[in-house]
Amino acid sequence: MEKDIGKINKNDITDIVIRIDDFADRKGVTIREFITSERYTGFTKSGVKIQAPDFEKFKEMINSITEEDMKEEPKEESSEEKASEEKKEELPKEQETLDEEMPDY
């Protein structure tokens, strides 16, 4: 028995599919990637199966996540970007001018 619950688009060729199935006579909820491309269409190996006996615990864990937990934080500058900015600040103004005026050979 297979029953698709829904899917979430991951990118242009990949969806995350949630379904109830009973593979090898073991019923559970399966969450897997499904690819649709020119070379291959079908499920990938990426995914997880929550066995029926563990479903209540899984549901409790998912329901414990709040909207506040899922709010995205503002993106911070990477350490490389910060280092680049710091180097610019350290250069004397004359050096910055020279760098801008020197042609690349």
C-alpha atoms as a PDB file:
ATOM      1  CA  MET A   1       0.000   0.000   0.000  1.00  0.00           C
ATOM      2  CA  GLU A   2       1.358   3.410  -0.982  1.00  0.00           C
ATOM      3  CA  LYS A   3      -0.335   6.728  -0.284  1.00  0.00           C
ATOM      4  CA  ASP A   4       1.316   9.989  -1.305  1.00  0.00           C
ATOM      5  CA  ILE A   5       0.777  12.681   1.319  1.00  0.00           C
ATOM      6  CA  GLY A   6       2.409  15.580  -0.499  1.00  0.00           C
ATOM      7  CA  LYS A   7       5.555  17.028  -1.963  1.00  0.00           C
ATOM      8  CA  ILE A   8       7.761  20.084  -1.551  1.00  0.00           C
ATOM      9  CA  ASN A   9       9.755  21.504  -4.436  1.00  0.00           C
ATOM     10  CA  LYS A  10      13.504  21.476  -3.662  1.00  0.00           C
ATOM     11  CA  ASN A  11      14.809  22.768  -7.011  1.00  0.00           C
ATOM     12  CA  ASP A  12      14.080  22.610 -10.754  1.00  0.00           C
ATOM     13  CA  ILE A  13      14.382  18.824 -10.975  1.00  0.00           C
ATOM     14  CA  THR A  14      13.949  17.597  -7.388  1.00  0.00           C
ATOM     15  CA  ASP A  15      10.928  17.296  -5.096  1.00  0.00           C
ATOM     16  CA  ILE A  16      10.770  16.016  -1.526  1.00  0.00           C
ATOM     17  CA  VAL A  17       7.951  13.430  -1.421  1.00  0.00           C
ATOM     18  CA  ILE A  18       6.194  12.330   1.755  1.00  0.00           C
ATOM     19  CA  ARG A  19       4.258   9.089   1.557  1.00  0.00           C
ATOM     20  CA  ILE A  20       2.907   6.239   3.629  1.00  0.00           C
ATOM     21  CA  ASP A  21       4.122   2.864   2.450  1.00  0.00           C
ATOM     22  CA  ASP A  22       4.651  -0.692   3.645  1.00  0.00           C
ATOM     23  CA  PHE A  23       7.936  -1.688   2.040  1.00  0.00           C
ATOM     24  CA  ALA A  24       9.021  -5.197   3.095  1.00  0.00           C
ATOM     25  CA  ASP A  25       5.827  -5.482   5.186  1.00  0.00           C
ATOM     26  CA  ARG A  26       7.017  -2.613   7.428  1.00  0.00           C
ATOM     27  CA  LYS A  27       4.540   0.250   7.401  1.00  0.00           C
ATOM     28  CA  GLY A  28       5.776   3.789   7.911  1.00  0.00           C
ATOM     29  CA  VAL A  29       6.201   7.318   6.598  1.00  0.00           C
ATOM     30  CA  THR A  30       8.877   7.739   3.941  1.00  0.00           C
ATOM     31  CA  ILE A  31      10.432  11.097   3.087  1.00  0.00           C
ATOM     32  CA  ARG A  32      12.533  10.885  -0.100  1.00  0.00           C
ATOM     33  CA  GLU A  33      13.869  12.911  -2.974  1.00  0.00           C
ATOM     34  CA  PHE A  34      12.225  12.395  -6.356  1.00  0.00           C
ATOM     35  CA  ILE A  35      14.098  13.551  -9.479  1.00  0.00           C
ATOM     36  CA  THR A  36      12.599  14.354 -12.879  1.00  0.00           C
ATOM     37  CA  SER A  37      15.329  14.852 -15.490  1.00  0.00           C
ATOM     38  CA  GLU A  38      16.296  13.787 -18.999  1.00  0.00           C
ATOM     39  CA  ARG A  39      18.606  11.041 -17.702  1.00  0.00           C
ATOM     40  CA  TYR A  40      16.570   9.716 -14.763  1.00  0.00           C
ATOM     41  CA  THR A  41      13.098  10.005 -13.294  1.00  0.00           C
ATOM     42  CA  GLY A  42      12.373   8.406  -9.959  1.00  0.00           C
ATOM     43  CA  PHE A  43      13.283   8.249  -6.303  1.00  0.00           C
ATOM     44  CA  THR A  44      16.885   8.704  -5.213  1.00  0.00           C
ATOM     45  CA  LYS A  45      18.572   6.912  -2.332  1.00  0.00           C
ATOM     46  CA  SER A  46      18.350  10.120  -0.276  1.00  0.00           C
ATOM     47  CA  GLY A  47      15.620   9.901   2.303  1.00  0.00           C
ATOM     48  CA  VAL A  48      14.396   8.449   5.539  1.00  0.00           C
ATOM     49  CA  LYS A  49      11.682   6.080   6.716  1.00  0.00           C
ATOM     50  CA  ILE A  50       9.899   6.586  10.023  1.00  0.00           C
ATOM     51  CA  GLN A  51       8.582   3.198  11.151  1.00  0.00           C
ATOM     52  CA  ALA A  52       4.943   3.048  12.294  1.00  0.00           C
ATOM     53  CA  PRO A  53       5.862   2.400  15.974  1.00  0.00           C
ATOM     54  CA  ASP A  54       8.012   5.582  15.967  1.00  0.00           C
ATOM     55  CA  PHE A  55       5.489   7.800  14.208  1.00  0.00           C
ATOM     56  CA  GLU A  56       3.936   9.318  17.372  1.00  0.00           C
ATOM     57  CA  LYS A  57       7.395  10.331  18.646  1.00  0.00           C
ATOM     58  CA  PHE A  58       8.266  11.802  15.229  1.00  0.00           C
ATOM     59  CA  LYS A  59       4.990  13.743  15.145  1.00  0.00           C
ATOM     60  CA  GLU A  60       5.650  15.145  18.639  1.00  0.00           C
ATOM     61  CA  MET A  61       9.132  16.233  17.587  1.00  0.00           C
ATOM     62  CA  ILE A  62       7.867  17.970  14.442  1.00  0.00           C
ATOM     63  CA  ASN A  63       4.997  19.640  16.303  1.00  0.00           C
ATOM     64  CA  SER A  64       7.425  20.972  18.929  1.00  0.00           C
ATOM     65  CA  ILE A  65       9.016  23.228  16.280  1.00  0.00           C
ATOM     66  CA  THR A  66       7.575  26.742  16.479  1.00  0.00           C
ATOM     67  CA  GLU A  67       7.210  29.445  13.841  1.00  0.00           C
ATOM     68  CA  GLU A  68       9.800  31.415  15.830  1.00  0.00           C
ATOM     69  CA  ASP A  69      12.275  28.531  15.448  1.00  0.00           C
ATOM     70  CA  MET A  70      11.901  28.743  11.676  1.00  0.00           C
ATOM     71  CA  LYS A  71      12.446  32.486  11.271  1.00  0.00           C
ATOM     72  CA  GLU A  72      15.531  33.138   9.196  1.00  0.00           C
ATOM     73  CA  GLU A  73      18.259  35.263  10.708  1.00  0.00           C
ATOM     74  CA  PRO A  74      19.861  38.067   8.679  1.00  0.00           C
ATOM     75  CA  LYS A  75      22.830  36.742   6.744  1.00  0.00           C
ATOM     76  CA  GLU A  76      26.200  37.703   8.214  1.00  0.00           C
ATOM     77  CA  GLU A  77      29.230  38.566   6.105  1.00  0.00           C
ATOM     78  CA  SER A  78      31.586  35.657   5.560  1.00  0.00           C
ATOM     79  CA  SER A  79      35.007  35.797   7.204  1.00  0.00           C
ATOM     80  CA  GLU A  80      36.573  36.238   3.732  1.00  0.00           C
ATOM     81  CA  GLU A  81      34.400  39.286   3.031  1.00  0.00           C
ATOM     82  CA  LYS A  82      35.259  40.775   6.429  1.00  0.00           C
ATOM     83  CA  ALA A  83      38.991  40.178   5.890  1.00  0.00           C
ATOM     84  CA  SER A  84      38.830  41.859   2.474  1.00  0.00           C
ATOM     85  CA  GLU A  85      37.105  44.903   3.959  1.00  0.00           C
ATOM     86  CA  GLU A  86      39.638  45.075   6.818  1.00  0.00           C
ATOM     87  CA  LYS A  87      42.547  44.991   4.354  1.00  0.00           C
ATOM     88  CA  LYS A  88      41.033  47.912   2.436  1.00  0.00           C
ATOM     89  CA  GLU A  89      40.683  49.886   5.672  1.00  0.00           C
ATOM     90  CA  GLU A  90      44.366  49.214   6.549  1.00  0.00           C
ATOM     91  CA  LEU A  91      45.756  50.608   3.266  1.00  0.00           C
ATOM     92  CA  PRO A  92      46.870  54.229   3.343  1.00  0.00           C
ATOM     93  CA  LYS A  93      44.823  56.468   1.039  1.00  0.00           C
ATOM     94  CA  GLU A  94      47.900  56.997  -1.197  1.00  0.00           C
ATOM     95  CA  GLN A  95      48.220  53.223  -1.706  1.00  0.00           C
ATOM     96  CA  GLU A  96      44.555  52.906  -2.678  1.00  0.00           C
ATOM     97  CA  THR A  97      45.041  55.676  -5.251  1.00  0.00           C
ATOM     98  CA  LEU A  98      48.205  54.064  -6.621  1.00  0.00           C
ATOM     99  CA  ASP A  99      46.456  50.697  -6.937  1.00  0.00           C
ATOM    100  CA  GLU A 100      43.607  52.280  -8.859  1.00  0.00           C
ATOM    101  CA  GLU A 101      45.955  54.186 -11.210  1.00  0.00           C
ATOM    102  CA  MET A 102      48.363  51.319 -11.995  1.00  0.00           C
ATOM    103  CA  PRO A 103      47.472  49.476 -15.200  1.00  0.00           C
ATOM    104  CA  ASP A 104      47.413  45.672 -15.241  1.00  0.00           C
ATOM    105  CA  TYR A 105      50.012  44.182 -17.589  1.00  0.00           C
END
